[in-house]
């Protein structure tokens, strides 16, 4: 019971501290959720994203342009 009382007195008793706690918690949640979803999305779509195929397309595109210049 003492644990809950300490949390209440520290974080929720005063409105200004409560609002700060809510904003800080929302910021931390948003940052961690965004990182987790981005990591999952990049892992799920590995090989299909622009950062994965950019090098292949740039090298392939340079070879085609050189052939057109020779003609």
PDB file of N, CA and C in Angstrom:
ATOM      1  N   UNK A   1       0.815  -1.184   0.000  1.00  0.00           N
ATOM      2  CA  UNK A   1       0.000   0.000   0.000  1.00  0.00           C
ATOM      3  C   UNK A   1       0.866   1.258   0.000  1.00  0.00           C
ATOM      4  N   UNK A   2       1.992   1.186   0.636  1.00  0.00           N
ATOM      5  CA  UNK A   2       2.891   2.331   0.719  1.00  0.00           C
ATOM      6  C   UNK A   2       3.435   2.711  -0.664  1.00  0.00           C
ATOM      7  N   UNK A   3       3.647   1.708  -1.485  1.00  0.00           N
ATOM      8  CA  UNK A   3       4.159   1.935  -2.840  1.00  0.00           C
ATOM      9  C   UNK A   3       3.185   2.792  -3.644  1.00  0.00           C
ATOM     10  N   UNK A   4       1.920   2.446  -3.602  1.00  0.00           N
ATOM     11  CA  UNK A   4       0.902   3.204  -4.337  1.00  0.00           C
ATOM     12  C   UNK A   4       0.732   4.612  -3.771  1.00  0.00           C
ATOM     13  N   UNK A   5       0.848   4.732  -2.493  1.00  0.00           N
ATOM     14  CA  UNK A   5       0.744   6.040  -1.851  1.00  0.00           C
ATOM     15  C   UNK A   5       1.894   6.946  -2.287  1.00  0.00           C
ATOM     16  N   UNK A   6       3.078   6.397  -2.377  1.00  0.00           N
ATOM     17  CA  UNK A   6       4.240   7.170  -2.814  1.00  0.00           C
ATOM     18  C   UNK A   6       4.085   7.623  -4.258  1.00  0.00           C
ATOM     19  N   UNK A   7       3.627   6.741  -5.117  1.00  0.00           N
ATOM     20  CA  UNK A   7       3.407   7.102  -6.522  1.00  0.00           C
ATOM     21  C   UNK A   7       2.344   8.188  -6.629  1.00  0.00           C
ATOM     22  N   UNK A   8       1.280   8.040  -5.877  1.00  0.00           N
ATOM     23  CA  UNK A   8       0.205   9.036  -5.906  1.00  0.00           C
ATOM     24  C   UNK A   8       0.720  10.399  -5.460  1.00  0.00           C
ATOM     25  N   UNK A   9       1.437  10.431  -4.360  1.00  0.00           N
ATOM     26  CA  UNK A   9       1.934  11.706  -3.841  1.00  0.00           C
ATOM     27  C   UNK A   9       2.981  12.326  -4.761  1.00  0.00           C
ATOM     28  N   UNK A  10       3.749  11.497  -5.448  1.00  0.00           N
ATOM     29  CA  UNK A  10       4.815  12.005  -6.306  1.00  0.00           C
ATOM     30  C   UNK A  10       4.310  12.460  -7.668  1.00  0.00           C
ATOM     31  N   UNK A  11       3.421  11.695  -8.285  1.00  0.00           N
ATOM     32  CA  UNK A  11       3.060  11.950  -9.682  1.00  0.00           C
ATOM     33  C   UNK A  11       1.651  12.476  -9.917  1.00  0.00           C
ATOM     34  N   UNK A  12       0.708  12.169  -9.058  1.00  0.00           N
ATOM     35  CA  UNK A  12      -0.687  12.448  -9.381  1.00  0.00           C
ATOM     36  C   UNK A  12      -1.394  13.448  -8.468  1.00  0.00           C
ATOM     37  N   UNK A  13      -0.811  13.795  -7.348  1.00  0.00           N
ATOM     38  CA  UNK A  13      -1.518  14.641  -6.392  1.00  0.00           C
ATOM     39  C   UNK A  13      -1.672  16.070  -6.910  1.00  0.00           C
ATOM     40  N   UNK A  14      -0.605  16.646  -7.441  1.00  0.00           N
ATOM     41  CA  UNK A  14      -0.660  18.011  -7.970  1.00  0.00           C
ATOM     42  C   UNK A  14      -0.952  17.962  -9.462  1.00  0.00           C
ATOM     43  N   UNK A  15      -1.832  18.811  -9.916  1.00  0.00           N
ATOM     44  CA  UNK A  15      -2.252  18.807 -11.313  1.00  0.00           C
ATOM     45  C   UNK A  15      -1.091  19.117 -12.257  1.00  0.00           C
ATOM     46  N   UNK A  16      -0.227  20.049 -11.902  1.00  0.00           N
ATOM     47  CA  UNK A  16       0.880  20.416 -12.783  1.00  0.00           C
ATOM     48  C   UNK A  16       1.844  19.248 -12.976  1.00  0.00           C
ATOM     49  N   UNK A  17       2.113  18.511 -11.936  1.00  0.00           N
ATOM     50  CA  UNK A  17       2.992  17.352 -12.041  1.00  0.00           C
ATOM     51  C   UNK A  17       2.297  16.241 -12.817  1.00  0.00           C
ATOM     52  N   UNK A  18       1.004  16.080 -12.610  1.00  0.00           N
ATOM     53  CA  UNK A  18       0.237  15.070 -13.341  1.00  0.00           C
ATOM     54  C   UNK A  18       0.272  15.342 -14.840  1.00  0.00           C
ATOM     55  N   UNK A  19       0.076  16.594 -15.233  1.00  0.00           N
ATOM     56  CA  UNK A  19       0.106  16.950 -16.657  1.00  0.00           C
ATOM     57  C   UNK A  19       1.495  16.707 -17.229  1.00  0.00           C
ATOM     58  N   UNK A  20       2.519  17.071 -16.494  1.00  0.00           N
ATOM     59  CA  UNK A  20       3.889  16.805 -16.941  1.00  0.00           C
ATOM     60  C   UNK A  20       4.160  15.322 -17.098  1.00  0.00           C
ATOM     61  N   UNK A  21       3.646  14.532 -16.166  1.00  0.00           N
ATOM     62  CA  UNK A  21       3.802  13.080 -16.246  1.00  0.00           C
ATOM     63  C   UNK A  21       3.103  12.519 -17.474  1.00  0.00           C
ATOM     64  N   UNK A  22       1.919  13.021 -17.766  1.00  0.00           N
ATOM     65  CA  UNK A  22       1.175  12.558 -18.944  1.00  0.00           C
ATOM     66  C   UNK A  22       1.934  12.908 -20.218  1.00  0.00           C
ATOM     67  N   UNK A  23       2.421  14.154 -20.322  1.00  0.00           N
ATOM     68  CA  UNK A  23       3.158  14.559 -21.519  1.00  0.00           C
ATOM     69  C   UNK A  23       4.445  13.760 -21.682  1.00  0.00           C
ATOM     70  N   UNK A  24       5.186  13.576 -20.602  1.00  0.00           N
ATOM     71  CA  UNK A  24       6.425  12.803 -20.670  1.00  0.00           C
ATOM     72  C   UNK A  24       6.141  11.357 -21.061  1.00  0.00           C
ATOM     73  N   UNK A  25       5.120  10.764 -20.476  1.00  0.00           N
ATOM     74  CA  UNK A  25       4.757   9.378 -20.809  1.00  0.00           C
ATOM     75  C   UNK A  25       4.331   9.257 -22.265  1.00  0.00           C
ATOM     76  N   UNK A  26       3.577  10.232 -22.759  1.00  0.00           N
ATOM     77  CA  UNK A  26       3.150  10.208 -24.160  1.00  0.00           C
ATOM     78  C   UNK A  26       4.348  10.334 -25.089  1.00  0.00           C
ATOM     79  N   UNK A  27       5.306  11.184 -24.743  1.00  0.00           N
ATOM     80  CA  UNK A  27       6.501  11.343 -25.565  1.00  0.00           C
ATOM     81  C   UNK A  27       7.313  10.056 -25.610  1.00  0.00           C
ATOM     82  N   UNK A  28       7.520   9.438 -24.469  1.00  0.00           N
ATOM     83  CA  UNK A  28       8.282   8.189 -24.416  1.00  0.00           C
ATOM     84  C   UNK A  28       7.550   7.084 -25.170  1.00  0.00           C
ATOM     85  N   UNK A  29       6.243   6.981 -24.998  1.00  0.00           N
ATOM     86  CA  UNK A  29       5.467   5.967 -25.702  1.00  0.00           C
ATOM     87  C   UNK A  29       5.527   6.185 -27.205  1.00  0.00           C
ATOM     88  N   UNK A  30       5.368   7.429 -27.649  1.00  0.00           N
ATOM     89  CA  UNK A  30       5.387   7.731 -29.080  1.00  0.00           C
ATOM     90  C   UNK A  30       6.735   7.380 -29.690  1.00  0.00           C
ATOM     91  N   UNK A  31       7.817   7.722 -29.010  1.00  0.00           N
ATOM     92  CA  UNK A  31       9.154   7.433 -29.520  1.00  0.00           C
ATOM     93  C   UNK A  31       9.402   5.934 -29.607  1.00  0.00           C
ATOM     94  N   UNK A  32       9.068   5.210 -28.568  1.00  0.00           N
ATOM     95  CA  UNK A  32       9.306   3.766 -28.576  1.00  0.00           C
ATOM     96  C   UNK A  32       8.373   3.052 -29.546  1.00  0.00           C
ATOM     97  N   UNK A  33       7.123   3.467 -29.634  1.00  0.00           N
ATOM     98  CA  UNK A  33       6.180   2.847 -30.565  1.00  0.00           C
ATOM     99  C   UNK A  33       6.606   3.097 -32.007  1.00  0.00           C
ATOM    100  N   UNK A  34       7.035   4.317 -32.310  1.00  0.00           N
ATOM    101  CA  UNK A  34       7.493   4.649 -33.657  1.00  0.00           C
ATOM    102  C   UNK A  34       8.720   3.823 -34.032  1.00  0.00           C
ATOM    103  N   UNK A  35       9.656   3.675 -33.120  1.00  0.00           N
ATOM    104  CA  UNK A  35      10.848   2.871 -33.389  1.00  0.00           C
ATOM    105  C   UNK A  35      10.489   1.409 -33.612  1.00  0.00           C
ATOM    106  N   UNK A  36       9.591   0.883 -32.807  1.00  0.00           N
ATOM    107  CA  UNK A  36       9.196  -0.521 -32.939  1.00  0.00           C
ATOM    108  C   UNK A  36       8.467  -0.774 -34.250  1.00  0.00           C
ATOM    109  N   UNK A  37       7.548   0.104 -34.619  1.00  0.00           N
ATOM    110  CA  UNK A  37       6.794  -0.085 -35.864  1.00  0.00           C
ATOM    111  C   UNK A  37       7.706   0.076 -37.073  1.00  0.00           C
ATOM    112  N   UNK A  38       8.601   1.050 -37.048  1.00  0.00           N
ATOM    113  CA  UNK A  38       9.534   1.245 -38.157  1.00  0.00           C
ATOM    114  C   UNK A  38      10.445   0.039 -38.306  1.00  0.00           C
ATOM    115  N   UNK A  39      10.940  -0.479 -37.209  1.00  0.00           N
ATOM    116  CA  UNK A  39      11.794  -1.665 -37.256  1.00  0.00           C
ATOM    117  C   UNK A  39      11.044  -2.862 -37.811  1.00  0.00           C
ATOM    118  N   UNK A  40       9.820  -3.069 -37.353  1.00  0.00           N
ATOM    119  CA  UNK A  40       9.015  -4.183 -37.861  1.00  0.00           C
ATOM    120  C   UNK A  40       8.744  -4.015 -39.351  1.00  0.00           C
ATOM    121  N   UNK A  41       8.379  -2.813 -39.780  1.00  0.00           N
ATOM    122  CA  UNK A  41       8.043  -2.555 -41.181  1.00  0.00           C
ATOM    123  C   UNK A  41       9.252  -2.795 -42.085  1.00  0.00           C
ATOM    124  N   UNK A  42      10.420  -2.309 -41.670  1.00  0.00           N
ATOM    125  CA  UNK A  42      11.619  -2.499 -42.478  1.00  0.00           C
ATOM    126  C   UNK A  42      12.024  -3.962 -42.521  1.00  0.00           C
ATOM    127  N   UNK A  43      11.854  -4.685 -41.440  1.00  0.00           N
ATOM    128  CA  UNK A  43      12.174  -6.108 -41.419  1.00  0.00           C
ATOM    129  C   UNK A  43      11.184  -6.897 -42.267  1.00  0.00           C
ATOM    130  N   UNK A  44       9.916  -6.525 -42.205  1.00  0.00           N
ATOM    131  CA  UNK A  44       8.872  -7.225 -42.955  1.00  0.00           C
ATOM    132  C   UNK A  44       9.010  -6.998 -44.462  1.00  0.00           C
ATOM    133  N   UNK A  45       9.474  -5.824 -44.869  1.00  0.00           N
ATOM    134  CA  UNK A  45       9.586  -5.471 -46.284  1.00  0.00           C
ATOM    135  C   UNK A  45      11.034  -5.425 -46.763  1.00  0.00           C
ATOM    136  N   UNK A  46      11.892  -6.216 -46.159  1.00  0.00           N
ATOM    137  CA  UNK A  46      13.298  -6.232 -46.527  1.00  0.00           C
ATOM    138  C   UNK A  46      13.443  -6.640 -47.992  1.00  0.00           C
ATOM    139  N   UNK A  47      14.229  -5.881 -48.743  1.00  0.00           N
ATOM    140  CA  UNK A  47      14.449  -6.150 -50.151  1.00  0.00           C
ATOM    141  C   UNK A  47      13.492  -5.411 -51.065  1.00  0.00           C
ATOM    142  N   UNK A  48      12.447  -4.815 -50.523  1.00  0.00           N
ATOM    143  CA  UNK A  48      11.463  -4.094 -51.329  1.00  0.00           C
ATOM    144  C   UNK A  48      11.557  -2.584 -51.139  1.00  0.00           C
ATOM    145  N   UNK A  49      12.266  -2.148 -50.132  1.00  0.00           N
ATOM    146  CA  UNK A  49      12.328  -0.726 -49.817  1.00  0.00           C
ATOM    147  C   UNK A  49      13.364  -0.025 -50.688  1.00  0.00           C
ATOM    148  N   UNK A  50      13.214   1.278 -50.837  1.00  0.00           N
ATOM    149  CA  UNK A  50      14.099   2.057 -51.692  1.00  0.00           C
ATOM    150  C   UNK A  50      15.545   1.939 -51.233  1.00  0.00           C
ATOM    151  N   UNK A  51      15.792   1.952 -49.942  1.00  0.00           N
ATOM    152  CA  UNK A  51      17.168   1.874 -49.460  1.00  0.00           C
ATOM    153  C   UNK A  51      17.812   0.528 -49.793  1.00  0.00           C
ATOM    154  N   UNK A  52      17.002  -0.512 -50.022  1.00  0.00           N
ATOM    155  CA  UNK A  52      17.539  -1.822 -50.369  1.00  0.00           C
ATOM    156  C   UNK A  52      17.821  -1.955 -51.861  1.00  0.00           C
ATOM    157  N   UNK A  53      17.022  -1.322 -52.702  1.00  0.00           N
ATOM    158  CA  UNK A  53      17.172  -1.489 -54.150  1.00  0.00           C
ATOM    159  C   UNK A  53      17.854  -0.301 -54.812  1.00  0.00           C
ATOM    160  N   UNK A  54      18.136   0.741 -54.087  1.00  0.00           N
ATOM    161  CA  UNK A  54      18.726   1.952 -54.653  1.00  0.00           C
ATOM    162  C   UNK A  54      20.075   1.655 -55.309  1.00  0.00           C
ATOM    163  N   UNK A  55      20.929   0.937 -54.627  1.00  0.00           N
ATOM    164  CA  UNK A  55      22.263   0.653 -55.147  1.00  0.00           C
ATOM    165  C   UNK A  55      22.185  -0.171 -56.427  1.00  0.00           C
ATOM    166  N   UNK A  56      21.306  -1.171 -56.450  1.00  0.00           N
ATOM    167  CA  UNK A  56      21.157  -2.010 -57.640  1.00  0.00           C
ATOM    168  C   UNK A  56      20.655  -1.200 -58.827  1.00  0.00           C
ATOM    169  N   UNK A  57      19.673  -0.348 -58.599  1.00  0.00           N
ATOM    170  CA  UNK A  57      19.108   0.448 -59.684  1.00  0.00           C
ATOM    171  C   UNK A  57      20.077   1.512 -60.178  1.00  0.00           C
ATOM    172  N   UNK A  58      20.840   2.100 -59.288  1.00  0.00           N
ATOM    173  CA  UNK A  58      21.801   3.114 -59.706  1.00  0.00           C
ATOM    174  C   UNK A  58      22.911   2.492 -60.537  1.00  0.00           C
ATOM    175  N   UNK A  59      23.388   1.340 -60.150  1.00  0.00           N
ATOM    176  CA  UNK A  59      24.426   0.677 -60.938  1.00  0.00           C
ATOM    177  C   UNK A  59      23.879   0.226 -62.280  1.00  0.00           C
ATOM    178  N   UNK A  60      22.680  -0.305 -62.292  1.00  0.00           N
ATOM    179  CA  UNK A  60      22.051  -0.732 -63.536  1.00  0.00           C
ATOM    180  C   UNK A  60      21.744   0.448 -64.435  1.00  0.00           C
ATOM    181  N   UNK A  61      21.321   1.556 -63.877  1.00  0.00           N
ATOM    182  CA  UNK A  61      21.009   2.756 -64.640  1.00  0.00           C
ATOM    183  C   UNK A  61      22.250   3.379 -65.244  1.00  0.00           C
ATOM    184  N   UNK A  62      23.390   3.336 -64.549  1.00  0.00           N
ATOM    185  CA  UNK A  62      24.626   3.890 -65.085  1.00  0.00           C
ATOM    186  C   UNK A  62      25.100   3.096 -66.289  1.00  0.00           C
ATOM    187  N   UNK A  63      24.959   1.781 -66.255  1.00  0.00           N
ATOM    188  CA  UNK A  63      25.381   0.952 -67.378  1.00  0.00           C
ATOM    189  C   UNK A  63      24.538   1.250 -68.613  1.00  0.00           C
ATOM    190  N   UNK A  64      23.243   1.431 -68.444  1.00  0.00           N
ATOM    191  CA  UNK A  64      22.367   1.717 -69.575  1.00  0.00           C
ATOM    192  C   UNK A  64      22.686   3.074 -70.184  1.00  0.00           C
ATOM    193  N   UNK A  65      22.999   4.054 -69.364  1.00  0.00           N
ATOM    194  CA  UNK A  65      23.308   5.379 -69.883  1.00  0.00           C
ATOM    195  C   UNK A  65      24.605   5.360 -70.673  1.00  0.00           C
ATOM    196  N   UNK A  66      25.594   4.569 -70.230  1.00  0.00           N
ATOM    197  CA  UNK A  66      26.851   4.486 -70.957  1.00  0.00           C
ATOM    198  C   UNK A  66      26.639   3.869 -72.331  1.00  0.00           C
ATOM    199  N   UNK A  67      25.782   2.874 -72.425  1.00  0.00           N
ATOM    200  CA  UNK A  67      25.512   2.242 -73.707  1.00  0.00           C
ATOM    201  C   UNK A  67      24.816   3.212 -74.650  1.00  0.00           C
ATOM    202  N   UNK A  68      23.921   4.045 -74.142  1.00  0.00           N
ATOM    203  CA  UNK A  68      23.227   5.014 -74.988  1.00  0.00           C
ATOM    204  C   UNK A  68      24.187   6.081 -75.498  1.00  0.00           C
ATOM    205  N   UNK A  69      25.174   6.461 -74.699  1.00  0.00           N
ATOM    206  CA  UNK A  69      26.124   7.485 -75.115  1.00  0.00           C
ATOM    207  C   UNK A  69      27.040   6.981 -76.224  1.00  0.00           C
ATOM    208  N   UNK A  70      27.344   5.683 -76.241  1.00  0.00           N
ATOM    209  CA  UNK A  70      28.242   5.125 -77.245  1.00  0.00           C
ATOM    210  C   UNK A  70      27.591   5.063 -78.616  1.00  0.00           C
ATOM    211  N   UNK A  71      26.292   5.006 -78.687  1.00  0.00           N
ATOM    212  CA  UNK A  71      25.614   4.840 -79.969  1.00  0.00           C
ATOM    213  C   UNK A  71      25.566   6.070 -80.744  1.00  0.00           C
TER     214      UNK A  71
END
